[in-house]
N, C-alpha and C. Protein backbone atom coordinates (compact mmCIF):
# COMPACT_ATOMS: atom_id res chain seq x y z
N MET A 1 125.67 156.34 128.56
CA MET A 1 125.44 158.28 128.45
C MET A 1 126.42 159.02 127.42
N SER A 2 127.50 158.58 127.23
CA SER A 2 128.41 158.63 126.45
C SER A 2 127.83 158.63 124.69
N THR A 3 127.10 157.15 124.89
CA THR A 3 126.31 157.20 123.37
C THR A 3 125.50 158.18 123.11
N THR A 4 124.67 158.48 124.02
CA THR A 4 123.88 159.63 123.81
C THR A 4 124.18 161.03 123.92
N LEU A 5 125.45 161.13 124.38
CA LEU A 5 126.08 162.71 124.54
C LEU A 5 126.63 162.66 122.18
N ASN A 6 127.84 161.22 122.23
CA ASN A 6 128.06 161.75 121.15
C ASN A 6 126.66 161.84 120.12
N ALA A 7 125.68 161.25 120.11
CA ALA A 7 124.36 161.34 119.28
C ALA A 7 124.17 163.09 118.59
N LYS A 8 123.61 163.20 120.10
CA LYS A 8 123.63 164.65 120.28
C LYS A 8 124.68 165.74 119.55
N GLN A 9 125.64 165.19 120.09
CA GLN A 9 126.87 166.14 119.14
C GLN A 9 126.75 166.32 117.91
N ARG A 10 127.17 164.75 117.34
CA ARG A 10 127.12 164.37 115.87
C ARG A 10 125.06 164.76 115.14
N SER A 11 124.59 165.40 115.43
CA SER A 11 123.54 165.83 115.32
C SER A 11 123.11 167.17 115.38
N GLN A 12 124.28 168.23 116.31
CA GLN A 12 124.38 169.19 116.01
C GLN A 12 124.75 169.49 115.27
N PHE A 13 126.21 168.64 114.65
CA PHE A 13 127.09 168.96 113.68
C PHE A 13 126.99 169.24 112.52
N LEU A 14 125.84 167.84 112.23
CA LEU A 14 125.08 167.96 110.97
C LEU A 14 124.01 168.96 110.20
N LYS A 15 123.81 169.03 111.20
CA LYS A 15 122.48 170.83 111.56
C LYS A 15 123.23 171.53 111.11
N GLN A 16 124.80 172.18 111.93
CA GLN A 16 125.32 173.35 111.33
C GLN A 16 125.67 172.32 109.64
N LEU A 17 126.16 171.63 109.41
CA LEU A 17 127.16 171.45 108.09
C LEU A 17 126.06 171.96 107.08
N ARG A 18 124.71 171.87 107.60
CA ARG A 18 123.38 171.73 107.02
C ARG A 18 123.30 173.35 106.38
N GLU A 19 123.22 173.88 107.63
CA GLU A 19 122.52 175.14 107.63
C GLU A 19 124.35 175.88 106.62
N GLU A 20 125.57 175.78 106.97
CA GLU A 20 126.36 176.53 106.12
C GLU A 20 126.54 176.15 104.83
N HIS A 21 126.22 174.76 104.67
CA HIS A 21 126.39 174.59 102.93
C HIS A 21 124.71 174.49 102.27
N ARG A 22 123.82 175.04 102.79
CA ARG A 22 122.68 175.09 102.33
C ARG A 22 122.51 175.74 100.63
N GLU A 23 123.13 176.57 100.37
CA GLU A 23 123.06 177.18 98.78
C GLU A 23 123.43 176.25 97.91
N THR A 24 124.67 175.58 98.35
CA THR A 24 125.43 174.62 97.80
C THR A 24 124.08 173.15 97.54
N VAL A 25 124.21 172.95 99.02
CA VAL A 25 122.78 171.65 98.43
C VAL A 25 121.88 172.23 97.36
N GLU A 26 121.22 173.71 97.92
CA GLU A 26 119.64 173.86 96.63
C GLU A 26 120.68 173.78 95.41
N GLN A 27 121.76 174.34 95.02
CA GLN A 27 122.21 174.44 93.52
C GLN A 27 122.63 172.96 93.00
N VAL A 28 122.78 172.03 93.70
CA VAL A 28 123.04 170.59 93.34
C VAL A 28 121.93 170.08 92.64
N GLN A 29 120.82 170.28 94.28
CA GLN A 29 119.49 169.65 94.47
C GLN A 29 118.41 170.14 92.48
N ALA A 30 119.06 171.28 92.31
CA ALA A 30 118.18 172.52 91.16
C ALA A 30 119.09 170.96 89.81
N LEU A 31 120.41 171.43 90.15
CA LEU A 31 120.89 171.16 88.85
C LEU A 31 121.18 169.93 88.56
N LEU A 32 120.35 168.72 89.82
CA LEU A 32 119.97 167.32 89.61
C LEU A 32 118.22 167.00 88.50
N LYS A 33 117.57 168.37 89.19
CA LYS A 33 116.27 168.24 88.25
C LYS A 33 116.50 168.05 87.19
N GLU A 34 116.90 169.37 87.00
CA GLU A 34 117.12 169.61 85.27
C GLU A 34 117.97 168.91 85.00
N GLN A 35 118.59 167.89 85.13
CA GLN A 35 119.04 166.96 84.65
C GLN A 35 118.43 165.68 84.13
N LYS A 36 117.66 165.19 85.15
CA LYS A 36 116.17 164.67 85.67
C LYS A 36 115.46 165.01 84.30
N ASP A 37 114.66 165.95 84.48
CA ASP A 37 114.22 166.46 83.64
C ASP A 37 114.47 166.80 81.62
N ILE A 38 116.05 166.61 81.38
CA ILE A 38 116.16 166.65 80.14
C ILE A 38 116.20 165.01 80.00
N ARG A 39 116.96 164.22 80.75
CA ARG A 39 116.89 162.69 80.14
C ARG A 39 115.19 162.48 80.27
N ARG A 40 114.33 162.75 80.64
CA ARG A 40 112.98 162.52 80.67
C ARG A 40 113.01 162.64 79.05
N GLU A 41 113.28 164.03 78.80
CA GLU A 41 112.78 164.57 77.55
C GLU A 41 113.55 163.70 76.34
N ILE A 42 114.46 163.01 76.74
CA ILE A 42 115.30 162.26 75.61
C ILE A 42 114.42 160.97 75.48
N CYS A 43 114.18 160.22 76.18
CA CYS A 43 113.55 159.11 76.62
C CYS A 43 111.97 159.20 75.87
N GLN A 44 111.40 160.13 76.05
CA GLN A 44 110.31 160.98 75.44
C GLN A 44 110.19 160.48 73.85
N ALA A 45 111.38 161.35 73.51
CA ALA A 45 112.32 161.52 71.98
C ALA A 45 112.23 160.20 71.62
N MET A 46 112.74 159.16 72.28
CA MET A 46 113.70 157.85 71.83
C MET A 46 112.11 156.66 71.81
N ARG A 47 110.99 157.43 72.32
CA ARG A 47 110.23 156.13 73.12
C ARG A 47 109.80 154.80 71.47
N ASP A 48 109.57 155.72 70.58
CA ASP A 48 108.75 155.05 69.24
C ASP A 48 109.91 154.12 68.50
N ALA A 49 111.04 154.55 68.66
CA ALA A 49 111.69 154.29 67.49
C ALA A 49 113.54 154.49 68.06
N PRO A 50 114.28 153.91 67.26
CA PRO A 50 115.59 154.38 67.79
C PRO A 50 116.26 155.34 67.04
N LYS A 51 116.60 156.45 67.25
CA LYS A 51 116.95 157.73 66.70
C LYS A 51 118.29 158.06 67.08
N THR A 52 118.54 159.24 65.83
CA THR A 52 120.53 159.31 66.25
C THR A 52 120.40 161.07 66.80
N VAL A 53 121.15 161.36 66.96
CA VAL A 53 120.91 162.28 68.14
C VAL A 53 120.65 163.41 67.30
N PRO A 54 120.66 163.82 66.24
CA PRO A 54 120.13 165.36 65.47
C PRO A 54 118.63 165.25 65.58
N ASP A 55 118.07 163.97 65.47
CA ASP A 55 116.64 163.34 65.58
C ASP A 55 115.96 163.65 67.02
N ILE A 56 117.05 163.19 67.54
CA ILE A 56 116.51 163.27 69.65
C ILE A 56 116.59 164.96 69.85
N ALA A 57 117.82 165.40 69.50
CA ALA A 57 117.47 167.20 69.73
C ALA A 57 116.70 167.59 69.02
N GLU A 58 116.32 167.07 67.57
CA GLU A 58 114.99 168.22 66.81
C GLU A 58 113.61 167.63 67.57
N ALA A 59 113.92 166.73 67.97
CA ALA A 59 112.46 165.98 69.01
C ALA A 59 112.33 167.05 69.87
N SER A 60 112.84 166.78 70.96
CA SER A 60 113.06 167.46 71.99
C SER A 60 113.24 168.83 72.24
N GLY A 61 114.05 169.16 71.11
CA GLY A 61 114.25 170.88 71.41
C GLY A 61 115.54 171.82 71.93
N LEU A 62 116.48 170.47 72.45
CA LEU A 62 117.24 170.26 72.99
C LEU A 62 118.60 170.04 71.73
N PRO A 63 119.99 171.22 72.47
CA PRO A 63 121.10 171.25 71.81
C PRO A 63 121.80 169.82 71.73
N ALA A 64 122.15 169.83 69.95
CA ALA A 64 122.75 168.36 69.88
C ALA A 64 123.67 167.82 70.71
N GLU A 65 124.52 169.18 71.25
CA GLU A 65 125.86 168.80 72.32
C GLU A 65 125.25 168.49 73.66
N GLN A 66 123.95 168.68 73.63
CA GLN A 66 123.50 168.54 75.19
C GLN A 66 122.74 167.17 75.34
N VAL A 67 121.60 167.09 74.03
CA VAL A 67 121.76 165.00 74.10
C VAL A 67 122.99 164.26 73.97
N LEU A 68 124.01 164.62 73.05
CA LEU A 68 125.18 163.59 73.16
C LEU A 68 125.69 163.23 74.25
N TRP A 69 126.14 164.48 74.84
CA TRP A 69 126.64 164.43 76.30
C TRP A 69 125.27 163.04 77.34
N HIS A 70 124.39 163.58 77.20
CA HIS A 70 123.41 162.48 77.96
C HIS A 70 123.23 161.47 77.61
N ILE A 71 123.23 161.09 76.10
CA ILE A 71 123.06 160.25 75.57
C ILE A 71 124.74 159.16 76.01
N ILE A 72 125.48 159.82 75.69
CA ILE A 72 127.15 159.19 76.40
C ILE A 72 126.85 158.39 77.78
N ALA A 73 126.28 159.49 78.35
CA ALA A 73 126.07 158.95 80.14
C ALA A 73 125.38 157.47 80.20
N MET A 74 123.80 158.24 79.36
CA MET A 74 122.91 156.87 79.63
C MET A 74 123.38 155.41 78.54
N LYS A 75 124.39 155.62 78.10
CA LYS A 75 124.95 154.19 77.36
C LYS A 75 126.14 153.29 78.20
N LYS A 76 126.59 154.64 79.10
CA LYS A 76 127.83 153.94 80.69
C LYS A 76 127.43 153.27 81.03
N TYR A 77 125.76 153.68 81.44
CA TYR A 77 125.31 153.02 82.44
C TYR A 77 124.27 152.05 81.83
N ASP A 78 123.84 151.98 80.59
CA ASP A 78 123.87 150.51 80.08
C ASP A 78 121.81 150.84 80.16
N LEU A 79 121.06 152.40 79.42
CA LEU A 79 120.18 153.00 79.90
C LEU A 79 120.11 152.87 78.16
N VAL A 80 120.58 153.30 76.97
CA VAL A 80 120.31 153.20 76.12
C VAL A 80 121.61 152.23 75.44
N VAL A 81 121.65 152.07 73.77
CA VAL A 81 122.37 151.07 73.36
C VAL A 81 122.25 151.30 71.85
N GLU A 82 123.81 151.14 70.93
CA GLU A 82 123.54 151.29 69.97
C GLU A 82 122.94 150.16 68.95
N THR A 83 121.87 150.85 67.49
CA THR A 83 120.91 149.66 67.73
C THR A 83 121.23 149.51 65.80
N GLY A 84 122.21 150.42 65.09
CA GLY A 84 122.24 150.45 64.05
C GLY A 84 123.07 151.91 63.57
N LEU A 85 123.02 151.61 62.49
CA LEU A 85 123.63 153.37 62.06
C LEU A 85 122.62 154.16 60.66
N SER A 86 122.14 155.61 60.92
CA SER A 86 121.45 156.08 60.01
C SER A 86 122.60 156.82 59.13
N GLY A 87 122.53 156.98 58.09
CA GLY A 87 123.59 157.31 56.88
C GLY A 87 125.24 157.16 58.26
N GLU A 88 125.49 158.35 58.64
CA GLU A 88 126.91 158.38 59.73
C GLU A 88 126.52 158.93 61.01
N TYR A 89 125.83 158.59 61.55
CA TYR A 89 124.87 158.40 62.68
C TYR A 89 124.60 157.36 63.33
N TYR A 90 125.06 157.06 64.91
CA TYR A 90 124.27 156.21 65.01
C TYR A 90 122.72 156.09 65.86
N LEU A 91 122.20 154.76 66.11
CA LEU A 91 120.72 154.87 66.08
C LEU A 91 120.78 154.66 67.63
N TYR A 92 119.96 155.25 68.51
CA TYR A 92 120.21 154.97 69.99
C TYR A 92 118.41 154.96 70.08
N GLN A 93 118.26 153.42 71.32
CA GLN A 93 117.51 153.06 71.88
C GLN A 93 117.18 152.66 73.12
N LEU A 94 116.63 152.89 73.90
CA LEU A 94 116.17 152.50 75.63
C LEU A 94 116.51 151.47 75.13
N VAL A 95 117.37 150.77 76.78
CA VAL A 95 117.29 149.47 76.60
C VAL A 95 116.31 148.74 77.17
N LYS A 96 115.40 149.21 77.78
CA LYS A 96 114.07 148.39 78.21
C LYS A 96 113.33 148.11 77.21
N GLU A 97 113.15 149.24 75.64
CA GLU A 97 112.77 149.23 74.36
C GLU A 97 113.20 148.02 74.04
N VAL A 98 114.22 147.47 74.66
CA VAL A 98 115.05 146.38 73.31
C VAL A 98 115.03 145.02 74.02
N LYS A 99 115.17 145.10 74.96
CA LYS A 99 115.02 143.41 76.12
C LYS A 99 113.14 143.21 75.76
N ALA A 100 112.03 144.44 75.41
CA ALA A 100 110.81 144.11 75.71
C ALA A 100 109.99 143.07 74.28
């Protein structure tokens, strides 16, 4: 019986927390969706061939500093790799394209 009571209390507590923090949860979900959309645009721009950050920014219409931020994060998690240089800029390619 105490297990049932604990489960009900925990359920009510979690429901209360969700209600109290609904706005924060919605904001975080919106931010994550925006970041996912940006990454999708970056990946689309890199699909044909390795590209530099300025090339990706131009192809996607995103600011170069935003592209760079995402490229660095994607590199950290092994989603993109540096494949060489084009002038003064590194070329980046999607990892799945390299392995294929």
